[in-house]
Amino acid sequence: MKKNLLLPIVAVLAVIVIFLLSNSLYVVNYNDHVIIKQFDRIIGTSSAPGLYFKLPFVQSTQAVYAGSRIYDIPASDVITKDKKSMIADDYVIWKVTDPARYYQTLGAMSARAEERIDAAVYNATKNTISSMNQDDVIAARGIELTNMITGASNSDITSYGIEIILAEIKALDLPDDNKEAVYERMISERKNIAASYTAKGNAEAQKIRNDTDRQVAVKIADAQKESERIRAEGEAEYMKILSDAYNDPEKADFYNFTRSLDALETSMQGNKTLILDKDSEMAKILYGQY
């Protein structure tokens, strides 16, 4: 009889122990924060994966995802500093960094978090673009504009225990009603810039050509001057050599003889009649007096 009563008691005790253990243990999974509450008041958080104990019935837990999340923000109109309308389409990568504050301010609800993120990123995008001219906005597209918007967004959102890792404009476009006019204006401005660069380039090229022509003229003048000097020196040396060569009577007679032969050869070309004085050098050659 006693054995029959003991078995149900053991079974009841086992159920109670299991029930107590199930309410005393909690698990923190990878990429999760766990908030520990006691009578709905936060008394701590756990982030390291593992098995933990809590007071049964008195304490409760709530898991909050700690990994990165992506939120696509609806496109919105923004106005640049020079009063040009543009359409910005952003997306956001965010995560929970302070689970206790996230729970206290937003009830750990991702929908409410996205509402705050939407407002923060819209304000950051609007304020950033409104401080720049349209051309500067277009030139800053990419990492520069992304860093500016991300930094401005975090200044408004950290009080909710959230960090915006990246707030990037995935599309930045113009309204359909003025897109064509803006494109034409941009094309015209680029053509003006190109014409300015071309004019500057032509002016610089002409300057280089003028400088080159001047240097060439100077070099040619110097070369001509040098050639005249060398020619004069050569002629002087030639005359000196001739003077030295015919400096005695015999050489002088030979020189006169060769010059006379050259003159005779020149004068006898063609059908000509040559009248000579009998005492001339040519007559002496013809008469064999040399």
C-alpha atoms as a PDB file:
ATOM      1  CA  MET A   1       0.000   0.000   0.000  1.00  0.00           C
ATOM      2  CA  LYS A   2       2.822   2.359   0.932  1.00  0.00           C
ATOM      3  CA  LYS A   3       4.617   1.562  -2.327  1.00  0.00           C
ATOM      4  CA  ASN A   4       1.511   2.347  -4.273  1.00  0.00           C
ATOM      5  CA  LEU A   5       1.336   5.779  -2.603  1.00  0.00           C
ATOM      6  CA  LEU A   6       5.076   6.474  -3.030  1.00  0.00           C
ATOM      7  CA  LEU A   7       5.072   6.231  -6.811  1.00  0.00           C
ATOM      8  CA  PRO A   8       2.504   8.998  -7.391  1.00  0.00           C
ATOM      9  CA  ILE A   9       4.293  11.244  -4.898  1.00  0.00           C
ATOM     10  CA  VAL A  10       7.644  10.740  -6.718  1.00  0.00           C
ATOM     11  CA  ALA A  11       5.984  11.417 -10.038  1.00  0.00           C
ATOM     12  CA  VAL A  12       4.419  14.611  -8.717  1.00  0.00           C
ATOM     13  CA  LEU A  13       7.721  15.733  -7.237  1.00  0.00           C
ATOM     14  CA  ALA A  14       9.506  15.014 -10.523  1.00  0.00           C
ATOM     15  CA  VAL A  15       6.937  17.062 -12.424  1.00  0.00           C
ATOM     16  CA  ILE A  16       7.363  19.914  -9.950  1.00  0.00           C
ATOM     17  CA  VAL A  17      11.171  19.764 -10.274  1.00  0.00           C
ATOM     18  CA  ILE A  18      10.981  19.751 -14.063  1.00  0.00           C
ATOM     19  CA  PHE A  19       8.524  22.618 -13.981  1.00  0.00           C
ATOM     20  CA  LEU A  20      10.779  24.607 -11.637  1.00  0.00           C
ATOM     21  CA  LEU A  21      13.834  23.914 -13.752  1.00  0.00           C
ATOM     22  CA  SER A  22      12.071  24.930 -16.941  1.00  0.00           C
ATOM     23  CA  ASN A  23      11.179  28.236 -15.308  1.00  0.00           C
ATOM     24  CA  SER A  24      14.648  28.677 -13.830  1.00  0.00           C
ATOM     25  CA  LEU A  25      16.720  28.232 -16.981  1.00  0.00           C
ATOM     26  CA  TYR A  26      16.984  30.333 -20.122  1.00  0.00           C
ATOM     27  CA  VAL A  27      19.165  30.152 -23.224  1.00  0.00           C
ATOM     28  CA  VAL A  28      20.949  32.985 -24.992  1.00  0.00           C
ATOM     29  CA  ASN A  29      21.347  32.148 -28.680  1.00  0.00           C
ATOM     30  CA  TYR A  30      24.018  33.487 -31.015  1.00  0.00           C
ATOM     31  CA  ASN A  31      23.125  36.986 -32.357  1.00  0.00           C
ATOM     32  CA  ASP A  32      20.605  37.523 -29.551  1.00  0.00           C
ATOM     33  CA  HIS A  33      20.346  39.774 -26.520  1.00  0.00           C
ATOM     34  CA  VAL A  34      18.215  38.526 -23.632  1.00  0.00           C
ATOM     35  CA  ILE A  35      16.543  41.002 -21.280  1.00  0.00           C
ATOM     36  CA  ILE A  36      15.955  39.789 -17.693  1.00  0.00           C
ATOM     37  CA  LYS A  37      12.926  41.369 -16.038  1.00  0.00           C
ATOM     38  CA  GLN A  38      11.657  41.099 -12.497  1.00  0.00           C
ATOM     39  CA  PHE A  39       8.034  42.157 -12.144  1.00  0.00           C
ATOM     40  CA  ASP A  40       8.380  43.925 -15.524  1.00  0.00           C
ATOM     41  CA  ARG A  41      11.415  45.896 -14.330  1.00  0.00           C
ATOM     42  CA  ILE A  42      14.677  45.315 -16.214  1.00  0.00           C
ATOM     43  CA  ILE A  43      17.375  44.043 -13.885  1.00  0.00           C
ATOM     44  CA  GLY A  44      19.949  42.909 -16.441  1.00  0.00           C
ATOM     45  CA  THR A  45      20.810  41.679 -19.929  1.00  0.00           C
ATOM     46  CA  SER A  46      22.763  38.743 -21.344  1.00  0.00           C
ATOM     47  CA  SER A  47      24.523  38.733 -24.712  1.00  0.00           C
ATOM     48  CA  ALA A  48      27.014  35.854 -24.559  1.00  0.00           C
ATOM     49  CA  PRO A  49      25.558  32.587 -25.923  1.00  0.00           C
ATOM     50  CA  GLY A  50      24.915  29.954 -23.239  1.00  0.00           C
ATOM     51  CA  LEU A  51      22.592  28.560 -20.561  1.00  0.00           C
ATOM     52  CA  TYR A  52      21.668  30.798 -17.611  1.00  0.00           C
ATOM     53  CA  PHE A  53      19.573  30.646 -14.398  1.00  0.00           C
ATOM     54  CA  LYS A  54      16.812  32.964 -13.223  1.00  0.00           C
ATOM     55  CA  LEU A  55      14.325  32.999 -10.365  1.00  0.00           C
ATOM     56  CA  PRO A  56      11.239  31.020 -11.389  1.00  0.00           C
ATOM     57  CA  PHE A  57       7.915  32.876 -11.491  1.00  0.00           C
ATOM     58  CA  VAL A  58       9.588  36.082 -10.265  1.00  0.00           C
ATOM     59  CA  GLN A  59      11.857  36.771 -13.213  1.00  0.00           C
ATOM     60  CA  SER A  60      11.084  36.597 -16.933  1.00  0.00           C
ATOM     61  CA  THR A  61      13.136  37.007 -20.093  1.00  0.00           C
ATOM     62  CA  GLN A  62      12.696  38.484 -23.546  1.00  0.00           C
ATOM     63  CA  ALA A  63      14.986  37.857 -26.497  1.00  0.00           C
ATOM     64  CA  VAL A  64      15.997  40.694 -28.814  1.00  0.00           C
ATOM     65  CA  TYR A  65      17.748  40.046 -32.139  1.00  0.00           C
ATOM     66  CA  ALA A  66      21.245  41.580 -32.062  1.00  0.00           C
ATOM     67  CA  GLY A  67      22.271  41.078 -35.704  1.00  0.00           C
ATOM     68  CA  SER A  68      22.106  43.541 -38.576  1.00  0.00           C
ATOM     69  CA  ARG A  69      18.726  44.278 -40.162  1.00  0.00           C
ATOM     70  CA  ILE A  70      17.838  45.926 -43.453  1.00  0.00           C
ATOM     71  CA  TYR A  71      15.040  48.452 -43.753  1.00  0.00           C
ATOM     72  CA  ASP A  72      14.002  49.958 -47.099  1.00  0.00           C
ATOM     73  CA  ILE A  73      12.740  53.518 -46.578  1.00  0.00           C
ATOM     74  CA  PRO A  74      10.088  54.864 -48.979  1.00  0.00           C
ATOM     75  CA  ALA A  75      11.315  57.442 -51.503  1.00  0.00           C
ATOM     76  CA  SER A  76      10.815  61.084 -50.506  1.00  0.00           C
ATOM     77  CA  ASP A  77      11.175  64.564 -52.024  1.00  0.00           C
ATOM     78  CA  VAL A  78      14.075  66.761 -50.889  1.00  0.00           C
ATOM     79  CA  ILE A  79      15.087  70.310 -51.828  1.00  0.00           C
ATOM     80  CA  THR A  80      18.686  71.337 -52.496  1.00  0.00           C
ATOM     81  CA  LYS A  81      20.293  74.574 -51.326  1.00  0.00           C
ATOM     82  CA  ASP A  82      19.730  76.131 -54.744  1.00  0.00           C
ATOM     83  CA  LYS A  83      16.015  75.227 -54.546  1.00  0.00           C
ATOM     84  CA  LYS A  84      16.106  72.227 -56.875  1.00  0.00           C
ATOM     85  CA  SER A  85      13.741  69.349 -56.151  1.00  0.00           C
ATOM     86  CA  MET A  86      15.111  65.802 -56.047  1.00  0.00           C
ATOM     87  CA  ILE A  87      13.790  62.350 -55.082  1.00  0.00           C
ATOM     88  CA  ALA A  88      15.880  60.351 -52.596  1.00  0.00           C
ATOM     89  CA  ASP A  89      15.310  56.613 -52.104  1.00  0.00           C
ATOM     90  CA  ASP A  90      17.243  55.324 -49.056  1.00  0.00           C
ATOM     91  CA  TYR A  91      17.841  51.987 -47.412  1.00  0.00           C
ATOM     92  CA  VAL A  92      19.213  51.395 -43.938  1.00  0.00           C
ATOM     93  CA  ILE A  93      21.246  48.686 -42.183  1.00  0.00           C
ATOM     94  CA  TRP A  94      20.710  48.892 -38.419  1.00  0.00           C
ATOM     95  CA  LYS A  95      21.062  46.858 -35.235  1.00  0.00           C
ATOM     96  CA  VAL A  96      20.245  46.976 -31.524  1.00  0.00           C
ATOM     97  CA  THR A  97      23.235  48.007 -29.403  1.00  0.00           C
ATOM     98  CA  ASP A  98      21.496  48.669 -26.056  1.00  0.00           C
ATOM     99  CA  PRO A  99      18.710  46.097 -25.516  1.00  0.00           C
ATOM    100  CA  ALA A 100      17.547  47.616 -22.209  1.00  0.00           C
ATOM    101  CA  ARG A 101      17.037  51.055 -23.711  1.00  0.00           C
ATOM    102  CA  TYR A 102      15.543  49.543 -26.845  1.00  0.00           C
ATOM    103  CA  TYR A 103      12.958  47.769 -24.674  1.00  0.00           C
ATOM    104  CA  GLN A 104      12.256  50.802 -22.497  1.00  0.00           C
ATOM    105  CA  THR A 105      11.746  53.248 -25.367  1.00  0.00           C
ATOM    106  CA  LEU A 106      10.290  51.073 -28.100  1.00  0.00           C
ATOM    107  CA  GLY A 107       9.034  47.991 -26.286  1.00  0.00           C
ATOM    108  CA  ALA A 108      11.530  45.928 -28.324  1.00  0.00           C
ATOM    109  CA  MET A 109       9.203  46.203 -31.316  1.00  0.00           C
ATOM    110  CA  SER A 110      10.938  46.398 -34.705  1.00  0.00           C
ATOM    111  CA  ALA A 111       7.952  48.178 -36.290  1.00  0.00           C
ATOM    112  CA  ARG A 112       8.241  51.063 -33.841  1.00  0.00           C
ATOM    113  CA  ALA A 113      12.008  51.086 -34.349  1.00  0.00           C
ATOM    114  CA  GLU A 114      11.574  51.402 -38.108  1.00  0.00           C
ATOM    115  CA  GLU A 115       9.240  54.358 -37.591  1.00  0.00           C
ATOM    116  CA  ARG A 116      11.970  56.165 -35.653  1.00  0.00           C
ATOM    117  CA  ILE A 117      14.617  55.144 -38.194  1.00  0.00           C
ATOM    118  CA  ASP A 118      12.418  56.387 -41.028  1.00  0.00           C
ATOM    119  CA  ALA A 119      12.065  59.809 -39.404  1.00  0.00           C
ATOM    120  CA  ALA A 120      15.763  60.050 -38.458  1.00  0.00           C
ATOM    121  CA  VAL A 121      17.076  59.090 -41.907  1.00  0.00           C
ATOM    122  CA  TYR A 122      14.555  61.324 -43.698  1.00  0.00           C
ATOM    123  CA  ASN A 123      15.578  64.322 -41.568  1.00  0.00           C
ATOM    124  CA  ALA A 124      19.277  63.541 -42.056  1.00  0.00           C
ATOM    125  CA  THR A 125      18.836  63.198 -45.836  1.00  0.00           C
ATOM    126  CA  LYS A 126      16.744  66.365 -46.071  1.00  0.00           C
ATOM    127  CA  ASN A 127      19.149  68.441 -43.946  1.00  0.00           C
ATOM    128  CA  THR A 128      22.244  67.135 -45.730  1.00  0.00           C
ATOM    129  CA  ILE A 129      20.920  67.747 -49.237  1.00  0.00           C
ATOM    130  CA  SER A 130      19.383  71.118 -48.316  1.00  0.00           C
ATOM    131  CA  SER A 131      22.863  72.315 -47.287  1.00  0.00           C
ATOM    132  CA  MET A 132      24.320  71.552 -50.757  1.00  0.00           C
ATOM    133  CA  ASN A 133      23.706  72.762 -54.301  1.00  0.00           C
ATOM    134  CA  GLN A 134      22.333  70.201 -56.738  1.00  0.00           C
ATOM    135  CA  ASP A 135      25.638  69.879 -58.596  1.00  0.00           C
ATOM    136  CA  ASP A 136      27.458  69.278 -55.289  1.00  0.00           C
ATOM    137  CA  VAL A 137      24.904  66.625 -54.299  1.00  0.00           C
ATOM    138  CA  ILE A 138      25.411  64.799 -57.588  1.00  0.00           C
ATOM    139  CA  ALA A 139      29.200  65.071 -57.261  1.00  0.00           C
ATOM    140  CA  ALA A 140      29.082  63.704 -53.672  1.00  0.00           C
ATOM    141  CA  ARG A 141      26.994  60.641 -54.540  1.00  0.00           C
ATOM    142  CA  GLY A 142      28.515  57.511 -53.122  1.00  0.00           C
ATOM    143  CA  ILE A 143      30.606  57.069 -50.012  1.00  0.00           C
ATOM    144  CA  GLU A 144      30.863  60.809 -49.210  1.00  0.00           C
ATOM    145  CA  LEU A 145      27.095  61.409 -49.173  1.00  0.00           C
ATOM    146  CA  THR A 146      26.488  58.078 -47.411  1.00  0.00           C
ATOM    147  CA  ASN A 147      28.873  58.961 -44.584  1.00  0.00           C
ATOM    148  CA  MET A 148      27.228  62.356 -44.130  1.00  0.00           C
ATOM    149  CA  ILE A 149      23.703  60.916 -43.924  1.00  0.00           C
ATOM    150  CA  THR A 150      24.742  57.979 -41.718  1.00  0.00           C
ATOM    151  CA  GLY A 151      26.448  60.276 -39.217  1.00  0.00           C
ATOM    152  CA  ALA A 152      23.512  62.678 -39.093  1.00  0.00           C
ATOM    153  CA  SER A 153      21.017  59.798 -38.685  1.00  0.00           C
ATOM    154  CA  ASN A 154      22.834  58.316 -35.689  1.00  0.00           C
ATOM    155  CA  SER A 155      22.760  61.631 -33.850  1.00  0.00           C
ATOM    156  CA  ASP A 156      18.956  61.271 -33.613  1.00  0.00           C
ATOM    157  CA  ILE A 157      18.581  57.523 -33.086  1.00  0.00           C
ATOM    158  CA  THR A 158      21.119  56.443 -30.444  1.00  0.00           C
ATOM    159  CA  SER A 159      18.753  57.389 -27.613  1.00  0.00           C
ATOM    160  CA  TYR A 160      16.608  54.378 -28.603  1.00  0.00           C
ATOM    161  CA  GLY A 161      19.454  51.876 -28.158  1.00  0.00           C
ATOM    162  CA  ILE A 162      19.836  51.557 -31.928  1.00  0.00           C
ATOM    163  CA  GLU A 163      22.820  52.083 -34.208  1.00  0.00           C
ATOM    164  CA  ILE A 164      22.466  52.839 -37.913  1.00  0.00           C
ATOM    165  CA  ILE A 165      25.392  51.058 -39.538  1.00  0.00           C
ATOM    166  CA  LEU A 166      24.677  52.395 -43.005  1.00  0.00           C
ATOM    167  CA  ALA A 167      22.159  54.871 -44.402  1.00  0.00           C
ATOM    168  CA  GLU A 168      22.666  54.989 -48.147  1.00  0.00           C
ATOM    169  CA  ILE A 169      20.788  56.572 -51.025  1.00  0.00           C
ATOM    170  CA  LYS A 170      20.232  53.764 -53.472  1.00  0.00           C
ATOM    171  CA  ALA A 171      18.575  56.080 -56.013  1.00  0.00           C
ATOM    172  CA  LEU A 172      18.757  59.867 -56.348  1.00  0.00           C
ATOM    173  CA  ASP A 173      16.607  61.154 -59.175  1.00  0.00           C
ATOM    174  CA  LEU A 174      14.834  64.232 -60.462  1.00  0.00           C
ATOM    175  CA  PRO A 175      11.053  64.744 -60.596  1.00  0.00           C
ATOM    176  CA  ASP A 176       9.607  63.834 -63.988  1.00  0.00           C
ATOM    177  CA  ASP A 177       8.188  67.315 -64.592  1.00  0.00           C
ATOM    178  CA  ASN A 178      11.589  69.055 -64.606  1.00  0.00           C
ATOM    179  CA  LYS A 179      13.973  66.188 -65.350  1.00  0.00           C
ATOM    180  CA  GLU A 180      14.412  67.119 -69.028  1.00  0.00           C
ATOM    181  CA  ALA A 181      15.040  70.796 -68.253  1.00  0.00           C
ATOM    182  CA  VAL A 182      17.607  69.919 -65.606  1.00  0.00           C
ATOM    183  CA  TYR A 183      19.382  67.509 -67.959  1.00  0.00           C
ATOM    184  CA  GLU A 184      19.536  70.173 -70.666  1.00  0.00           C
ATOM    185  CA  ARG A 185      20.884  72.721 -68.192  1.00  0.00           C
ATOM    186  CA  MET A 186      23.495  70.266 -66.963  1.00  0.00           C
ATOM    187  CA  ILE A 187      24.528  69.465 -70.548  1.00  0.00           C
ATOM    188  CA  SER A 188      24.802  73.183 -71.318  1.00  0.00           C
ATOM    189  CA  GLU A 189      26.890  73.807 -68.208  1.00  0.00           C
ATOM    190  CA  ARG A 190      29.195  70.909 -69.063  1.00  0.00           C
ATOM    191  CA  LYS A 191      29.600  72.268 -72.599  1.00  0.00           C
ATOM    192  CA  ASN A 192      30.483  75.691 -71.196  1.00  0.00           C
ATOM    193  CA  ILE A 193      33.028  74.102 -68.890  1.00  0.00           C
ATOM    194  CA  ALA A 194      34.452  72.096 -71.791  1.00  0.00           C
ATOM    195  CA  ALA A 195      34.657  75.264 -73.942  1.00  0.00           C
ATOM    196  CA  SER A 196      36.448  77.065 -71.110  1.00  0.00           C
ATOM    197  CA  TYR A 197      38.948  74.222 -70.785  1.00  0.00           C
ATOM    198  CA  THR A 198      39.440  74.193 -74.570  1.00  0.00           C
ATOM    199  CA  ALA A 199      40.055  77.963 -74.661  1.00  0.00           C
ATOM    200  CA  LYS A 200      42.535  77.723 -71.809  1.00  0.00           C
ATOM    201  CA  GLY A 201      44.239  74.813 -73.538  1.00  0.00           C
ATOM    202  CA  ASN A 202      44.468  76.698 -76.846  1.00  0.00           C
ATOM    203  CA  ALA A 203      45.878  79.771 -75.100  1.00  0.00           C
ATOM    204  CA  GLU A 204      48.454  77.653 -73.312  1.00  0.00           C
ATOM    205  CA  ALA A 205      49.307  75.844 -76.547  1.00  0.00           C
ATOM    206  CA  GLN A 206      49.783  79.176 -78.363  1.00  0.00           C
ATOM    207  CA  LYS A 207      51.975  80.400 -75.535  1.00  0.00           C
ATOM    208  CA  ILE A 208      54.101  77.255 -75.818  1.00  0.00           C
ATOM    209  CA  ARG A 209      54.285  77.633 -79.626  1.00  0.00           C
ATOM    210  CA  ASN A 210      55.340  81.293 -79.335  1.00  0.00           C
ATOM    211  CA  ASP A 211      57.979  80.433 -76.787  1.00  0.00           C
ATOM    212  CA  THR A 212      59.228  77.563 -78.956  1.00  0.00           C
ATOM    213  CA  ASP A 213      59.360  79.800 -82.070  1.00  0.00           C
ATOM    214  CA  ARG A 214      61.311  82.411 -80.112  1.00  0.00           C
ATOM    215  CA  GLN A 215      63.797  79.816 -78.894  1.00  0.00           C
ATOM    216  CA  VAL A 216      64.158  78.430 -82.430  1.00  0.00           C
ATOM    217  CA  ALA A 217      64.738  81.936 -83.850  1.00  0.00           C
ATOM    218  CA  VAL A 218      67.356  82.632 -81.192  1.00  0.00           C
ATOM    219  CA  LYS A 219      69.102  79.313 -81.873  1.00  0.00           C
ATOM    220  CA  ILE A 220      69.065  79.913 -85.650  1.00  0.00           C
ATOM    221  CA  ALA A 221      70.468  83.418 -85.182  1.00  0.00           C
ATOM    222  CA  ASP A 222      73.162  82.070 -82.888  1.00  0.00           C
ATOM    223  CA  ALA A 223      73.960  79.311 -85.397  1.00  0.00           C
ATOM    224  CA  GLN A 224      74.179  81.780 -88.301  1.00  0.00           C
ATOM    225  CA  LYS A 225      76.405  84.063 -86.248  1.00  0.00           C
ATOM    226  CA  GLU A 226      78.629  81.129 -85.371  1.00  0.00           C
ATOM    227  CA  SER A 227      78.723  79.956 -89.003  1.00  0.00           C
ATOM    228  CA  GLU A 228      79.730  83.447 -90.194  1.00  0.00           C
ATOM    229  CA  ARG A 229      82.481  83.533 -87.587  1.00  0.00           C
ATOM    230  CA  ILE A 230      83.748  80.106 -88.612  1.00  0.00           C
ATOM    231  CA  ARG A 231      83.557  81.051 -92.318  1.00  0.00           C
ATOM    232  CA  ALA A 232      85.492  84.270 -91.668  1.00  0.00           C
ATOM    233  CA  GLU A 233      88.092  82.354 -89.705  1.00  0.00           C
ATOM    234  CA  GLY A 234      88.314  79.796 -92.511  1.00  0.00           C
ATOM    235  CA  GLU A 235      88.743  82.453 -95.196  1.00  0.00           C
ATOM    236  CA  ALA A 236      91.363  84.201 -93.123  1.00  0.00           C
ATOM    237  CA  GLU A 237      93.176  80.915 -92.660  1.00  0.00           C
ATOM    238  CA  TYR A 238      92.828  80.226 -96.396  1.00  0.00           C
ATOM    239  CA  MET A 239      94.344  83.579 -97.287  1.00  0.00           C
ATOM    240  CA  LYS A 240      97.103  83.007 -94.768  1.00  0.00           C
ATOM    241  CA  ILE A 241      97.856  79.601 -96.302  1.00  0.00           C
ATOM    242  CA  LEU A 242      97.877  81.127 -99.805  1.00  0.00           C
ATOM    243  CA  SER A 243     100.098  83.926 -98.637  1.00  0.00           C
ATOM    244  CA  ASP A 244     102.496  81.465 -97.068  1.00  0.00           C
ATOM    245  CA  ALA A 245     102.377  79.204-100.141  1.00  0.00           C
ATOM    246  CA  TYR A 246     103.313  81.946-102.634  1.00  0.00           C
ATOM    247  CA  ASN A 247     105.644  83.964-100.482  1.00  0.00           C
ATOM    248  CA  ASP A 248     108.722  83.462-102.760  1.00  0.00           C
ATOM    249  CA  PRO A 249     109.250  84.363-106.508  1.00  0.00           C
ATOM    250  CA  GLU A 250     109.184  80.783-107.788  1.00  0.00           C
ATOM    251  CA  LYS A 251     105.913  79.980-106.085  1.00  0.00           C
ATOM    252  CA  ALA A 252     104.487  83.303-107.206  1.00  0.00           C
ATOM    253  CA  ASP A 253     105.416  82.537-110.847  1.00  0.00           C
ATOM    254  CA  PHE A 254     103.798  79.090-110.557  1.00  0.00           C
ATOM    255  CA  TYR A 255     100.684  80.632-109.101  1.00  0.00           C
ATOM    256  CA  ASN A 256     100.501  83.182-111.941  1.00  0.00           C
ATOM    257  CA  PHE A 257     101.046  80.361-114.445  1.00  0.00           C
ATOM    258  CA  THR A 258      98.199  78.220-113.072  1.00  0.00           C
ATOM    259  CA  ARG A 259      95.879  81.203-112.843  1.00  0.00           C
ATOM    260  CA  SER A 260      96.723  82.084-116.469  1.00  0.00           C
ATOM    261  CA  LEU A 261      95.947  78.522-117.563  1.00  0.00           C
ATOM    262  CA  ASP A 262      92.627  78.661-115.822  1.00  0.00           C
ATOM    263  CA  ALA A 263      91.785  81.981-117.423  1.00  0.00           C
ATOM    264  CA  LEU A 264      92.864  80.726-120.861  1.00  0.00           C
ATOM    265  CA  GLU A 265      90.731  77.614-120.516  1.00  0.00           C
ATOM    266  CA  THR A 266      87.733  79.710-119.609  1.00  0.00           C
ATOM    267  CA  SER A 267      88.224  82.184-122.448  1.00  0.00           C
ATOM    268  CA  MET A 268      88.720  79.476-125.110  1.00  0.00           C
ATOM    269  CA  GLN A 269      85.402  77.778-124.515  1.00  0.00           C
ATOM    270  CA  GLY A 270      83.117  78.001-127.552  1.00  0.00           C
ATOM    271  CA  ASN A 271      83.883  79.414-131.038  1.00  0.00           C
ATOM    272  CA  LYS A 272      85.770  82.560-130.086  1.00  0.00           C
ATOM    273  CA  THR A 273      88.572  84.728-131.423  1.00  0.00           C
ATOM    274  CA  LEU A 274      91.081  85.794-128.808  1.00  0.00           C
ATOM    275  CA  ILE A 275      93.350  88.829-129.399  1.00  0.00           C
ATOM    276  CA  LEU A 276      96.276  88.989-127.004  1.00  0.00           C
ATOM    277  CA  ASP A 277      99.079  91.386-126.396  1.00  0.00           C
ATOM    278  CA  LYS A 278     102.397  89.714-127.063  1.00  0.00           C
ATOM    279  CA  ASP A 279     103.587  90.637-123.593  1.00  0.00           C
ATOM    280  CA  SER A 280     100.525  89.185-121.818  1.00  0.00           C
ATOM    281  CA  GLU A 281     100.799  86.114-119.670  1.00  0.00           C
ATOM    282  CA  MET A 282      98.483  84.101-121.942  1.00  0.00           C
ATOM    283  CA  ALA A 283     100.568  84.972-125.005  1.00  0.00           C
ATOM    284  CA  LYS A 284     103.675  83.814-123.170  1.00  0.00           C
ATOM    285  CA  ILE A 285     101.955  80.479-122.482  1.00  0.00           C
ATOM    286  CA  LEU A 286     100.940  80.045-126.104  1.00  0.00           C
ATOM    287  CA  TYR A 287     104.411  80.984-127.317  1.00  0.00           C
ATOM    288  CA  GLY A 288     105.966  78.559-124.844  1.00  0.00           C
ATOM    289  CA  GLN A 289     107.812  81.207-122.946  1.00  0.00           C
ATOM    290  CA  TYR A 290     107.080  79.449-119.627  1.00  0.00           C
END
